Amino acid sequence: MPPPEVNLGGGDSFTNALASGPAVLPARVDQHWRNREPIYPVAAAERGEHGAVVLLIHVDPDGAVAGIEVTATSGFRLLDRAAREAVQTWHFLPAVHDGKPVASAMPLRVLFELN
């Protein structure tokens, strides 16, 4: 059986930061960092578990993850945990307010799909 693929989004993903106000650029995933994709748990794949997890990622001014909350569960504990564990190590470009990096929170949708 080939390994399942993880789809981290597309045109319908929730990737808009929650930072708002005049002269604010939202936080976003740092595409130049080697952020590893979530690993599809083998046990979840064997049981046919799939779905989307929406995380609220708290990004500090340095672009590191300060905290993660699951705001919408996939309905499967293993998938939710796999998404959190992967994103915990990611690096982000922080939100910028008036030219200075600031702490912010941004939603991110992680989609686990079986082929």
PDB file of N, CA and C in Angstrom:
ATOM      1  N   MET A   1       0.855  -1.174   0.000  1.00  0.00           N
ATOM      2  CA  MET A   1       0.000   0.000   0.000  1.00  0.00           C
ATOM      3  C   MET A   1       0.899   1.235   0.000  1.00  0.00           C
ATOM      4  N   PRO A   2       0.731   2.162  -0.966  1.00  0.00           N
ATOM      5  CA  PRO A   2       1.570   3.359  -0.981  1.00  0.00           C
ATOM      6  C   PRO A   2       1.236   4.264   0.203  1.00  0.00           C
ATOM      7  N   PRO A   3       2.216   5.053   0.660  1.00  0.00           N
ATOM      8  CA  PRO A   3       1.949   5.921   1.807  1.00  0.00           C
ATOM      9  C   PRO A   3       0.909   6.976   1.456  1.00  0.00           C
ATOM     10  N   PRO A   4       0.078   7.346   2.412  1.00  0.00           N
ATOM     11  CA  PRO A   4      -0.923   8.375   2.160  1.00  0.00           C
ATOM     12  C   PRO A   4      -0.257   9.723   1.925  1.00  0.00           C
ATOM     13  N   GLU A   5      -0.922  10.586   1.191  1.00  0.00           N
ATOM     14  CA  GLU A   5      -0.411  11.929   0.956  1.00  0.00           C
ATOM     15  C   GLU A   5      -1.090  12.902   1.901  1.00  0.00           C
ATOM     16  N   VAL A   6      -0.366  13.932   2.275  1.00  0.00           N
ATOM     17  CA  VAL A   6      -0.909  14.992   3.109  1.00  0.00           C
ATOM     18  C   VAL A   6      -1.055  16.223   2.236  1.00  0.00           C
ATOM     19  N   ASN A   7      -2.244  16.786   2.206  1.00  0.00           N
ATOM     20  CA  ASN A   7      -2.500  17.995   1.444  1.00  0.00           C
ATOM     21  C   ASN A   7      -2.634  19.136   2.436  1.00  0.00           C
ATOM     22  N   LEU A   8      -1.718  20.088   2.359  1.00  0.00           N
ATOM     23  CA  LEU A   8      -1.721  21.183   3.328  1.00  0.00           C
ATOM     24  C   LEU A   8      -2.560  22.368   2.890  1.00  0.00           C
ATOM     25  N   GLY A   9      -3.410  22.191   1.956  1.00  0.00           N
ATOM     26  CA  GLY A   9      -4.299  23.301   1.640  1.00  0.00           C
ATOM     27  C   GLY A   9      -4.536  23.437   0.161  1.00  0.00           C
ATOM     28  N   GLY A  10      -4.904  24.591  -0.197  1.00  0.00           N
ATOM     29  CA  GLY A  10      -5.243  24.917  -1.563  1.00  0.00           C
ATOM     30  C   GLY A  10      -6.015  26.214  -1.526  1.00  0.00           C
ATOM     31  N   GLY A  11      -6.809  26.438  -2.517  1.00  0.00           N
ATOM     32  CA  GLY A  11      -7.569  27.675  -2.578  1.00  0.00           C
ATOM     33  C   GLY A  11      -8.579  27.840  -1.469  1.00  0.00           C
ATOM     34  N   ASP A  12      -8.954  26.746  -0.816  1.00  0.00           N
ATOM     35  CA  ASP A  12      -9.986  26.851   0.209  1.00  0.00           C
ATOM     36  C   ASP A  12      -9.436  26.737   1.625  1.00  0.00           C
ATOM     37  N   SER A  13      -8.090  26.820   1.781  1.00  0.00           N
ATOM     38  CA  SER A  13      -7.533  26.668   3.127  1.00  0.00           C
ATOM     39  C   SER A  13      -7.643  27.959   3.919  1.00  0.00           C
ATOM     40  N   PHE A  14      -7.706  27.812   5.236  1.00  0.00           N
ATOM     41  CA  PHE A  14      -7.771  28.960   6.132  1.00  0.00           C
ATOM     42  C   PHE A  14      -6.342  29.387   6.441  1.00  0.00           C
ATOM     43  N   THR A  15      -5.815  30.360   5.715  1.00  0.00           N
ATOM     44  CA  THR A  15      -4.445  30.781   5.964  1.00  0.00           C
ATOM     45  C   THR A  15      -4.345  32.282   6.169  1.00  0.00           C
ATOM     46  N   ASN A  16      -5.430  32.948   6.450  1.00  0.00           N
ATOM     47  CA  ASN A  16      -5.375  34.380   6.709  1.00  0.00           C
ATOM     48  C   ASN A  16      -5.104  34.611   8.175  1.00  0.00           C
ATOM     49  N   ALA A  17      -4.136  35.471   8.462  1.00  0.00           N
ATOM     50  CA  ALA A  17      -3.805  35.764   9.857  1.00  0.00           C
ATOM     51  C   ALA A  17      -4.926  36.556  10.502  1.00  0.00           C
ATOM     52  N   LEU A  18      -4.965  36.507  11.815  1.00  0.00           N
ATOM     53  CA  LEU A  18      -5.977  37.233  12.558  1.00  0.00           C
ATOM     54  C   LEU A  18      -5.544  38.644  12.902  1.00  0.00           C
ATOM     55  N   ALA A  19      -4.249  38.978  12.690  1.00  0.00           N
ATOM     56  CA  ALA A  19      -3.778  40.332  12.967  1.00  0.00           C
ATOM     57  C   ALA A  19      -4.527  41.292  12.058  1.00  0.00           C
ATOM     58  N   SER A  20      -4.899  42.446  12.595  1.00  0.00           N
ATOM     59  CA  SER A  20      -5.622  43.410  11.778  1.00  0.00           C
ATOM     60  C   SER A  20      -5.291  44.815  12.239  1.00  0.00           C
ATOM     61  N   GLY A  21      -5.694  45.793  11.468  1.00  0.00           N
ATOM     62  CA  GLY A  21      -5.446  47.185  11.816  1.00  0.00           C
ATOM     63  C   GLY A  21      -4.611  47.854  10.750  1.00  0.00           C
ATOM     64  N   PRO A  22      -4.374  49.140  10.904  1.00  0.00           N
ATOM     65  CA  PRO A  22      -3.617  49.864   9.899  1.00  0.00           C
ATOM     66  C   PRO A  22      -2.170  49.382   9.843  1.00  0.00           C
ATOM     67  N   ALA A  23      -1.665  49.253   8.644  1.00  0.00           N
ATOM     68  CA  ALA A  23      -0.264  48.912   8.394  1.00  0.00           C
ATOM     69  C   ALA A  23       0.146  47.582   9.015  1.00  0.00           C
ATOM     70  N   VAL A  24      -0.735  46.571   8.954  1.00  0.00           N
ATOM     71  CA  VAL A  24      -0.408  45.244   9.482  1.00  0.00           C
ATOM     72  C   VAL A  24      -0.281  44.259   8.327  1.00  0.00           C
ATOM     73  N   LEU A  25       0.834  43.539   8.290  1.00  0.00           N
ATOM     74  CA  LEU A  25       1.000  42.419   7.365  1.00  0.00           C
ATOM     75  C   LEU A  25       0.856  41.153   8.190  1.00  0.00           C
ATOM     76  N   PRO A  26      -0.013  40.241   7.808  1.00  0.00           N
ATOM     77  CA  PRO A  26      -0.249  39.038   8.629  1.00  0.00           C
ATOM     78  C   PRO A  26       0.939  38.080   8.602  1.00  0.00           C
ATOM     79  N   ALA A  27       1.027  37.252   9.632  1.00  0.00           N
ATOM     80  CA  ALA A  27       2.035  36.185   9.682  1.00  0.00           C
ATOM     81  C   ALA A  27       1.717  35.177   8.583  1.00  0.00           C
ATOM     82  N   ARG A  28       2.760  34.476   8.143  1.00  0.00           N
ATOM     83  CA  ARG A  28       2.560  33.443   7.131  1.00  0.00           C
ATOM     84  C   ARG A  28       3.676  32.417   7.241  1.00  0.00           C
ATOM     85  N   VAL A  29       3.452  31.251   6.659  1.00  0.00           N
ATOM     86  CA  VAL A  29       4.442  30.182   6.688  1.00  0.00           C
ATOM     87  C   VAL A  29       5.684  30.653   5.935  1.00  0.00           C
ATOM     88  N   ASP A  30       6.839  30.411   6.513  1.00  0.00           N
ATOM     89  CA  ASP A  30       8.110  30.762   5.876  1.00  0.00           C
ATOM     90  C   ASP A  30       8.449  29.669   4.865  1.00  0.00           C
ATOM     91  N   GLN A  31       8.280  29.967   3.592  1.00  0.00           N
ATOM     92  CA  GLN A  31       8.492  28.980   2.528  1.00  0.00           C
ATOM     93  C   GLN A  31       9.965  28.609   2.346  1.00  0.00           C
ATOM     94  N   HIS A  32      10.866  29.421   2.882  1.00  0.00           N
ATOM     95  CA  HIS A  32      12.301  29.152   2.735  1.00  0.00           C
ATOM     96  C   HIS A  32      12.848  28.277   3.857  1.00  0.00           C
ATOM     97  N   TRP A  33      12.045  28.016   4.856  1.00  0.00           N
ATOM     98  CA  TRP A  33      12.428  27.162   5.981  1.00  0.00           C
ATOM     99  C   TRP A  33      12.068  25.730   5.627  1.00  0.00           C
ATOM    100  N   ARG A  34      12.763  24.781   6.157  1.00  0.00           N
ATOM    101  CA  ARG A  34      12.456  23.372   5.863  1.00  0.00           C
ATOM    102  C   ARG A  34      11.410  22.842   6.840  1.00  0.00           C
ATOM    103  N   ASN A  35      10.210  23.343   6.704  1.00  0.00           N
ATOM    104  CA  ASN A  35       9.101  22.883   7.544  1.00  0.00           C
ATOM    105  C   ASN A  35       8.668  21.509   7.055  1.00  0.00           C
ATOM    106  N   ARG A  36       8.674  20.532   7.953  1.00  0.00           N
ATOM    107  CA  ARG A  36       8.284  19.179   7.534  1.00  0.00           C
ATOM    108  C   ARG A  36       6.760  19.045   7.558  1.00  0.00           C
ATOM    109  N   GLU A  37       6.251  18.361   6.575  1.00  0.00           N
ATOM    110  CA  GLU A  37       4.807  18.120   6.512  1.00  0.00           C
ATOM    111  C   GLU A  37       4.411  17.149   7.607  1.00  0.00           C
ATOM    112  N   PRO A  38       3.171  17.248   8.063  1.00  0.00           N
ATOM    113  CA  PRO A  38       2.698  16.267   9.052  1.00  0.00           C
ATOM    114  C   PRO A  38       2.813  14.847   8.497  1.00  0.00           C
ATOM    115  N   ILE A  39       3.130  13.928   9.372  1.00  0.00           N
ATOM    116  CA  ILE A  39       3.219  12.514   8.991  1.00  0.00           C
ATOM    117  C   ILE A  39       1.866  11.874   9.262  1.00  0.00           C
ATOM    118  N   TYR A  40       1.314  11.246   8.231  1.00  0.00           N
ATOM    119  CA  TYR A  40       0.019  10.570   8.381  1.00  0.00           C
ATOM    120  C   TYR A  40       0.229   9.366   9.286  1.00  0.00           C
ATOM    121  N   PRO A  41      -0.395   9.319  10.447  1.00  0.00           N
ATOM    122  CA  PRO A  41      -0.205   8.163  11.332  1.00  0.00           C
ATOM    123  C   PRO A  41      -0.661   6.870  10.657  1.00  0.00           C
ATOM    124  N   VAL A  42       0.200   5.878  10.690  1.00  0.00           N
ATOM    125  CA  VAL A  42      -0.093   4.598  10.040  1.00  0.00           C
ATOM    126  C   VAL A  42      -1.390   4.000  10.582  1.00  0.00           C
ATOM    127  N   ALA A  43      -1.559   4.034  11.898  1.00  0.00           N
ATOM    128  CA  ALA A  43      -2.770   3.451  12.497  1.00  0.00           C
ATOM    129  C   ALA A  43      -4.021   4.168  12.002  1.00  0.00           C
ATOM    130  N   ALA A  44      -3.951   5.475  11.847  1.00  0.00           N
ATOM    131  CA  ALA A  44      -5.104   6.237  11.356  1.00  0.00           C
ATOM    132  C   ALA A  44      -5.398   5.872   9.900  1.00  0.00           C
ATOM    133  N   ALA A  45      -4.358   5.742   9.086  1.00  0.00           N
ATOM    134  CA  ALA A  45      -4.545   5.372   7.679  1.00  0.00           C
ATOM    135  C   ALA A  45      -5.144   3.970   7.565  1.00  0.00           C
ATOM    136  N   GLU A  46      -4.666   3.054   8.380  1.00  0.00           N
ATOM    137  CA  GLU A  46      -5.183   1.682   8.334  1.00  0.00           C
ATOM    138  C   GLU A  46      -6.664   1.622   8.706  1.00  0.00           C
ATOM    139  N   ARG A  47      -7.101   2.541   9.565  1.00  0.00           N
ATOM    140  CA  ARG A  47      -8.518   2.585   9.958  1.00  0.00           C
ATOM    141  C   ARG A  47      -9.351   3.457   9.021  1.00  0.00           C
ATOM    142  N   GLY A  48      -8.707   4.029   8.001  1.00  0.00           N
ATOM    143  CA  GLY A  48      -9.431   4.861   7.051  1.00  0.00           C
ATOM    144  C   GLY A  48      -9.780   6.244   7.577  1.00  0.00           C
ATOM    145  N   GLU A  49      -9.100   6.695   8.615  1.00  0.00           N
ATOM    146  CA  GLU A  49      -9.388   8.005   9.194  1.00  0.00           C
ATOM    147  C   GLU A  49      -8.810   9.104   8.303  1.00  0.00           C
ATOM    148  N   HIS A  50      -9.612  10.116   8.058  1.00  0.00           N
ATOM    149  CA  HIS A  50      -9.172  11.258   7.242  1.00  0.00           C
ATOM    150  C   HIS A  50      -9.981  12.471   7.657  1.00  0.00           C
ATOM    151  N   GLY A  51      -9.495  13.625   7.293  1.00  0.00           N
ATOM    152  CA  GLY A  51     -10.223  14.847   7.610  1.00  0.00           C
ATOM    153  C   GLY A  51      -9.300  16.033   7.749  1.00  0.00           C
ATOM    154  N   ALA A  52      -9.893  17.171   8.059  1.00  0.00           N
ATOM    155  CA  ALA A  52      -9.147  18.424   8.187  1.00  0.00           C
ATOM    156  C   ALA A  52      -9.070  18.842   9.647  1.00  0.00           C
ATOM    157  N   VAL A  53      -7.926  19.374  10.003  1.00  0.00           N
ATOM    158  CA  VAL A  53      -7.680  19.933  11.328  1.00  0.00           C
ATOM    159  C   VAL A  53      -7.415  21.422  11.121  1.00  0.00           C
ATOM    160  N   VAL A  54      -8.086  22.279  11.878  1.00  0.00           N
ATOM    161  CA  VAL A  54      -7.791  23.712  11.813  1.00  0.00           C
ATOM    162  C   VAL A  54      -7.091  24.084  13.109  1.00  0.00           C
ATOM    163  N   LEU A  55      -5.880  24.618  12.944  1.00  0.00           N
ATOM    164  CA  LEU A  55      -5.062  25.023  14.078  1.00  0.00           C
ATOM    165  C   LEU A  55      -5.015  26.545  14.152  1.00  0.00           C
ATOM    166  N   LEU A  56      -4.970  27.081  15.355  1.00  0.00           N
ATOM    167  CA  LEU A  56      -4.699  28.500  15.555  1.00  0.00           C
ATOM    168  C   LEU A  56      -3.280  28.556  16.096  1.00  0.00           C
ATOM    169  N   ILE A  57      -2.383  29.114  15.289  1.00  0.00           N
ATOM    170  CA  ILE A  57      -0.966  29.122  15.623  1.00  0.00           C
ATOM    171  C   ILE A  57      -0.600  30.506  16.153  1.00  0.00           C
ATOM    172  N   HIS A  58      -0.030  30.532  17.342  1.00  0.00           N
ATOM    173  CA  HIS A  58       0.443  31.778  17.935  1.00  0.00           C
ATOM    174  C   HIS A  58       1.911  31.927  17.537  1.00  0.00           C
ATOM    175  N   VAL A  59       2.199  32.969  16.768  1.00  0.00           N
ATOM    176  CA  VAL A  59       3.537  33.196  16.228  1.00  0.00           C
ATOM    177  C   VAL A  59       4.170  34.358  16.984  1.00  0.00           C
ATOM    178  N   ASP A  60       5.388  34.140  17.490  1.00  0.00           N
ATOM    179  CA  ASP A  60       6.058  35.222  18.213  1.00  0.00           C
ATOM    180  C   ASP A  60       6.774  36.145  17.217  1.00  0.00           C
ATOM    181  N   PRO A  61       7.287  37.275  17.665  1.00  0.00           N
ATOM    182  CA  PRO A  61       7.927  38.231  16.745  1.00  0.00           C
ATOM    183  C   PRO A  61       9.149  37.676  16.019  1.00  0.00           C
ATOM    184  N   ASP A  62       9.731  36.583  16.519  1.00  0.00           N
ATOM    185  CA  ASP A  62      10.875  35.960  15.845  1.00  0.00           C
ATOM    186  C   ASP A  62      10.445  34.943  14.796  1.00  0.00           C
ATOM    187  N   GLY A  63       9.152  34.661  14.687  1.00  0.00           N
ATOM    188  CA  GLY A  63       8.649  33.688  13.728  1.00  0.00           C
ATOM    189  C   GLY A  63       8.524  32.286  14.281  1.00  0.00           C
ATOM    190  N   ALA A  64       8.842  32.109  15.559  1.00  0.00           N
ATOM    191  CA  ALA A  64       8.714  30.788  16.184  1.00  0.00           C
ATOM    192  C   ALA A  64       7.283  30.587  16.683  1.00  0.00           C
ATOM    193  N   VAL A  65       6.916  29.329  16.856  1.00  0.00           N
ATOM    194  CA  VAL A  65       5.590  28.987  17.366  1.00  0.00           C
ATOM    195  C   VAL A  65       5.596  29.162  18.884  1.00  0.00           C
ATOM    196  N   ALA A  66       4.697  30.010  19.372  1.00  0.00           N
ATOM    197  CA  ALA A  66       4.572  30.239  20.815  1.00  0.00           C
ATOM    198  C   ALA A  66       3.477  29.361  21.409  1.00  0.00           C
ATOM    199  N   GLY A  67       2.589  28.840  20.587  1.00  0.00           N
ATOM    200  CA  GLY A  67       1.518  27.973  21.056  1.00  0.00           C
ATOM    201  C   GLY A  67       0.622  27.578  19.905  1.00  0.00           C
ATOM    202  N   ILE A  68      -0.102  26.493  20.099  1.00  0.00           N
ATOM    203  CA  ILE A  68      -1.026  25.981  19.065  1.00  0.00           C
ATOM    204  C   ILE A  68      -2.301  25.522  19.743  1.00  0.00           C
ATOM    205  N   GLU A  69      -3.418  25.878  19.149  1.00  0.00           N
ATOM    206  CA  GLU A  69      -4.723  25.403  19.613  1.00  0.00           C
ATOM    207  C   GLU A  69      -5.423  24.709  18.443  1.00  0.00           C
ATOM    208  N   VAL A  70      -6.136  23.644  18.725  1.00  0.00           N
ATOM    209  CA  VAL A  70      -6.989  23.008  17.712  1.00  0.00           C
ATOM    210  C   VAL A  70      -8.332  23.723  17.782  1.00  0.00           C
ATOM    211  N   THR A  71      -8.686  24.442  16.719  1.00  0.00           N
ATOM    212  CA  THR A  71      -9.963  25.157  16.715  1.00  0.00           C
ATOM    213  C   THR A  71     -11.060  24.366  16.022  1.00  0.00           C
ATOM    214  N   ALA A  72     -10.680  23.412  15.183  1.00  0.00           N
ATOM    215  CA  ALA A  72     -11.641  22.503  14.555  1.00  0.00           C
ATOM    216  C   ALA A  72     -10.947  21.151  14.413  1.00  0.00           C
ATOM    217  N   THR A  73     -11.479  20.156  15.060  1.00  0.00           N
ATOM    218  CA  THR A  73     -10.870  18.834  15.041  1.00  0.00           C
ATOM    219  C   THR A  73     -11.246  18.068  13.773  1.00  0.00           C
ATOM    220  N   SER A  74     -10.372  17.144  13.412  1.00  0.00           N
ATOM    221  CA  SER A  74     -10.663  16.235  12.301  1.00  0.00           C
ATOM    222  C   SER A  74     -11.662  15.179  12.744  1.00  0.00           C
ATOM    223  N   GLY A  75     -11.827  15.062  14.057  1.00  0.00           N
ATOM    224  CA  GLY A  75     -12.650  14.003  14.624  1.00  0.00           C
ATOM    225  C   GLY A  75     -11.829  12.792  15.026  1.00  0.00           C
ATOM    226  N   PHE A  76     -10.505  12.878  14.773  1.00  0.00           N
ATOM    227  CA  PHE A  76      -9.607  11.769  15.084  1.00  0.00           C
ATOM    228  C   PHE A  76      -8.389  12.289  15.842  1.00  0.00           C
ATOM    229  N   ARG A  77      -8.208  11.790  17.050  1.00  0.00           N
ATOM    230  CA  ARG A  77      -7.126  12.264  17.925  1.00  0.00           C
ATOM    231  C   ARG A  77      -5.751  12.147  17.273  1.00  0.00           C
ATOM    232  N   LEU A  78      -5.481  11.024  16.581  1.00  0.00           N
ATOM    233  CA  LEU A  78      -4.166  10.838  15.966  1.00  0.00           C
ATOM    234  C   LEU A  78      -3.876  11.888  14.897  1.00  0.00           C
ATOM    235  N   LEU A  79      -4.873  12.237  14.097  1.00  0.00           N
ATOM    236  CA  LEU A  79      -4.665  13.240  13.053  1.00  0.00           C
ATOM    237  C   LEU A  79      -4.447  14.622  13.658  1.00  0.00           C
ATOM    238  N   ASP A  80      -5.242  14.954  14.666  1.00  0.00           N
ATOM    239  CA  ASP A  80      -5.082  16.250  15.324  1.00  0.00           C
ATOM    240  C   ASP A  80      -3.683  16.374  15.935  1.00  0.00           C
ATOM    241  N   ARG A  81      -3.238  15.304  16.589  1.00  0.00           N
ATOM    242  CA  ARG A  81      -1.916  15.323  17.222  1.00  0.00           C
ATOM    243  C   ARG A  81      -0.799  15.410  16.176  1.00  0.00           C
ATOM    244  N   ALA A  82      -0.929  14.689  15.065  1.00  0.00           N
ATOM    245  CA  ALA A  82       0.085  14.728  14.010  1.00  0.00           C
ATOM    246  C   ALA A  82       0.214  16.135  13.437  1.00  0.00           C
ATOM    247  N   ALA A  83      -0.906  16.815  13.259  1.00  0.00           N
ATOM    248  CA  ALA A  83      -0.867  18.184  12.748  1.00  0.00           C
ATOM    249  C   ALA A  83      -0.169  19.110  13.737  1.00  0.00           C
ATOM    250  N   ARG A  84      -0.547  19.015  15.000  1.00  0.00           N
ATOM    251  CA  ARG A  84       0.070  19.865  16.042  1.00  0.00           C
ATOM    252  C   ARG A  84       1.565  19.607  16.155  1.00  0.00           C
ATOM    253  N   GLU A  85       1.959  18.343  16.190  1.00  0.00           N
ATOM    254  CA  GLU A  85       3.373  18.004  16.368  1.00  0.00           C
ATOM    255  C   GLU A  85       4.232  18.514  15.217  1.00  0.00           C
ATOM    256  N   ALA A  86       3.732  18.433  14.002  1.00  0.00           N
ATOM    257  CA  ALA A  86       4.501  18.917  12.859  1.00  0.00           C
ATOM    258  C   ALA A  86       4.626  20.434  12.889  1.00  0.00           C
ATOM    259  N   VAL A  87       3.513  21.112  13.076  1.00  0.00           N
ATOM    260  CA  VAL A  87       3.504  22.575  13.011  1.00  0.00           C
ATOM    261  C   VAL A  87       4.274  23.193  14.175  1.00  0.00           C
ATOM    262  N   GLN A  88       4.367  22.498  15.286  1.00  0.00           N
ATOM    263  CA  GLN A  88       5.099  23.012  16.452  1.00  0.00           C
ATOM    264  C   GLN A  88       6.551  23.345  16.100  1.00  0.00           C
ATOM    265  N   THR A  89       7.119  22.646  15.128  1.00  0.00           N
ATOM    266  CA  THR A  89       8.521  22.844  14.762  1.00  0.00           C
ATOM    267  C   THR A  89       8.698  23.814  13.589  1.00  0.00           C
ATOM    268  N   TRP A  90       7.625  24.307  13.033  1.00  0.00           N
ATOM    269  CA  TRP A  90       7.716  25.169  11.851  1.00  0.00           C
ATOM    270  C   TRP A  90       8.246  26.550  12.190  1.00  0.00           C
ATOM    271  N   HIS A  91       8.672  27.228  11.154  1.00  0.00           N
ATOM    272  CA  HIS A  91       9.087  28.626  11.275  1.00  0.00           C
ATOM    273  C   HIS A  91       8.162  29.452  10.394  1.00  0.00           C
ATOM    274  N   PHE A  92       7.819  30.625  10.879  1.00  0.00           N
ATOM    275  CA  PHE A  92       6.901  31.525  10.186  1.00  0.00           C
ATOM    276  C   PHE A  92       7.549  32.881   9.979  1.00  0.00           C
ATOM    277  N   LEU A  93       7.038  33.608   9.014  1.00  0.00           N
ATOM    278  CA  LEU A  93       7.375  35.020   8.885  1.00  0.00           C
ATOM    279  C   LEU A  93       6.371  35.730   9.785  1.00  0.00           C
ATOM    280  N   PRO A  94       6.838  36.461  10.781  1.00  0.00           N
ATOM    281  CA  PRO A  94       5.906  37.057  11.746  1.00  0.00           C
ATOM    282  C   PRO A  94       5.068  38.162  11.119  1.00  0.00           C
ATOM    283  N   ALA A  95       3.979  38.469  11.803  1.00  0.00           N
ATOM    284  CA  ALA A  95       3.173  39.620  11.396  1.00  0.00           C
ATOM    285  C   ALA A  95       4.025  40.868  11.587  1.00  0.00           C
ATOM    286  N   VAL A  96       3.749  41.872  10.771  1.00  0.00           N
ATOM    287  CA  VAL A  96       4.502  43.118  10.847  1.00  0.00           C
ATOM    288  C   VAL A  96       3.510  44.253  11.030  1.00  0.00           C
ATOM    289  N   HIS A  97       3.768  45.079  12.036  1.00  0.00           N
ATOM    290  CA  HIS A  97       2.922  46.247  12.299  1.00  0.00           C
ATOM    291  C   HIS A  97       3.815  47.475  12.273  1.00  0.00           C
ATOM    292  N   ASP A  98       3.507  48.393  11.369  1.00  0.00           N
ATOM    293  CA  ASP A  98       4.307  49.614  11.199  1.00  0.00           C
ATOM    294  C   ASP A  98       5.790  49.304  11.051  1.00  0.00           C
ATOM    295  N   GLY A  99       6.093  48.263  10.266  1.00  0.00           N
ATOM    296  CA  GLY A  99       7.481  47.927   9.953  1.00  0.00           C
ATOM    297  C   GLY A  99       8.199  47.091  10.993  1.00  0.00           C
ATOM    298  N   LYS A 100       7.529  46.724  12.095  1.00  0.00           N
ATOM    299  CA  LYS A 100       8.173  45.940  13.152  1.00  0.00           C
ATOM    300  C   LYS A 100       7.455  44.607  13.336  1.00  0.00           C
ATOM    301  N   PRO A 101       8.218  43.504  13.517  1.00  0.00           N
ATOM    302  CA  PRO A 101       7.578  42.205  13.758  1.00  0.00           C
ATOM    303  C   PRO A 101       6.831  42.208  15.086  1.00  0.00           C
ATOM    304  N   VAL A 102       5.647  41.614  15.070  1.00  0.00           N
ATOM    305  CA  VAL A 102       4.812  41.544  16.273  1.00  0.00           C
ATOM    306  C   VAL A 102       4.254  40.133  16.438  1.00  0.00           C
ATOM    307  N   ALA A 103       3.887  39.806  17.665  1.00  0.00           N
ATOM    308  CA  ALA A 103       3.223  38.526  17.930  1.00  0.00           C
ATOM    309  C   ALA A 103       1.825  38.568  17.327  1.00  0.00           C
ATOM    310  N   SER A 104       1.369  37.422  16.845  1.00  0.00           N
ATOM    311  CA  SER A 104       0.026  37.345  16.262  1.00  0.00           C
ATOM    312  C   SER A 104      -0.431  35.897  16.295  1.00  0.00           C
ATOM    313  N   ALA A 105      -1.638  35.682  15.836  1.00  0.00           N
ATOM    314  CA  ALA A 105      -2.183  34.326  15.724  1.00  0.00           C
ATOM    315  C   ALA A 105      -2.719  34.157  14.313  1.00  0.00           C
ATOM    316  N   MET A 106      -2.522  32.974  13.772  1.00  0.00           N
ATOM    317  CA  MET A 106      -3.015  32.715  12.426  1.00  0.00           C
ATOM    318  C   MET A 106      -3.602  31.313  12.347  1.00  0.00           C
ATOM    319  N   PRO A 107      -4.729  31.177  11.652  1.00  0.00           N
ATOM    320  CA  PRO A 107      -5.292  29.837  11.458  1.00  0.00           C
ATOM    321  C   PRO A 107      -4.579  29.119  10.317  1.00  0.00           C
ATOM    322  N   LEU A 108      -4.514  27.811  10.415  1.00  0.00           N
ATOM    323  CA  LEU A 108      -3.921  26.985   9.374  1.00  0.00           C
ATOM    324  C   LEU A 108      -4.716  25.694   9.297  1.00  0.00           C
ATOM    325  N   ARG A 109      -5.121  25.341   8.113  1.00  0.00           N
ATOM    326  CA  ARG A 109      -5.896  24.119   7.882  1.00  0.00           C
ATOM    327  C   ARG A 109      -4.974  23.030   7.360  1.00  0.00           C
ATOM    328  N   VAL A 110      -4.942  21.889   8.035  1.00  0.00           N
ATOM    329  CA  VAL A 110      -4.157  20.741   7.622  1.00  0.00           C
ATOM    330  C   VAL A 110      -5.126  19.648   7.214  1.00  0.00           C
ATOM    331  N   LEU A 111      -5.008  19.198   5.971  1.00  0.00           N
ATOM    332  CA  LEU A 111      -5.928  18.215   5.424  1.00  0.00           C
ATOM    333  C   LEU A 111      -5.230  16.876   5.274  1.00  0.00           C
ATOM    334  N   PHE A 112      -5.783  15.852   5.891  1.00  0.00           N
ATOM    335  CA  PHE A 112      -5.276  14.485   5.755  1.00  0.00           C
ATOM    336  C   PHE A 112      -6.235  13.746   4.830  1.00  0.00           C
ATOM    337  N   GLU A 113      -5.718  13.312   3.692  1.00  0.00           N
ATOM    338  CA  GLU A 113      -6.535  12.592   2.698  1.00  0.00           C
ATOM    339  C   GLU A 113      -5.876  11.266   2.351  1.00  0.00           C
ATOM    340  N   LEU A 114      -6.700  10.245   2.248  1.00  0.00           N
ATOM    341  CA  LEU A 114      -6.215   8.945   1.781  1.00  0.00           C
ATOM    342  C   LEU A 114      -6.404   8.883   0.273  1.00  0.00           C
ATOM    343  N   ASN A 115      -5.460   8.252  -0.385  1.00  0.00           N
ATOM    344  CA  ASN A 115      -5.559   8.108  -1.852  1.00  0.00           C
ATOM    345  C   ASN A 115      -6.475   6.978  -2.213  1.00  0.00           C
TER     346      ASN A 115
END
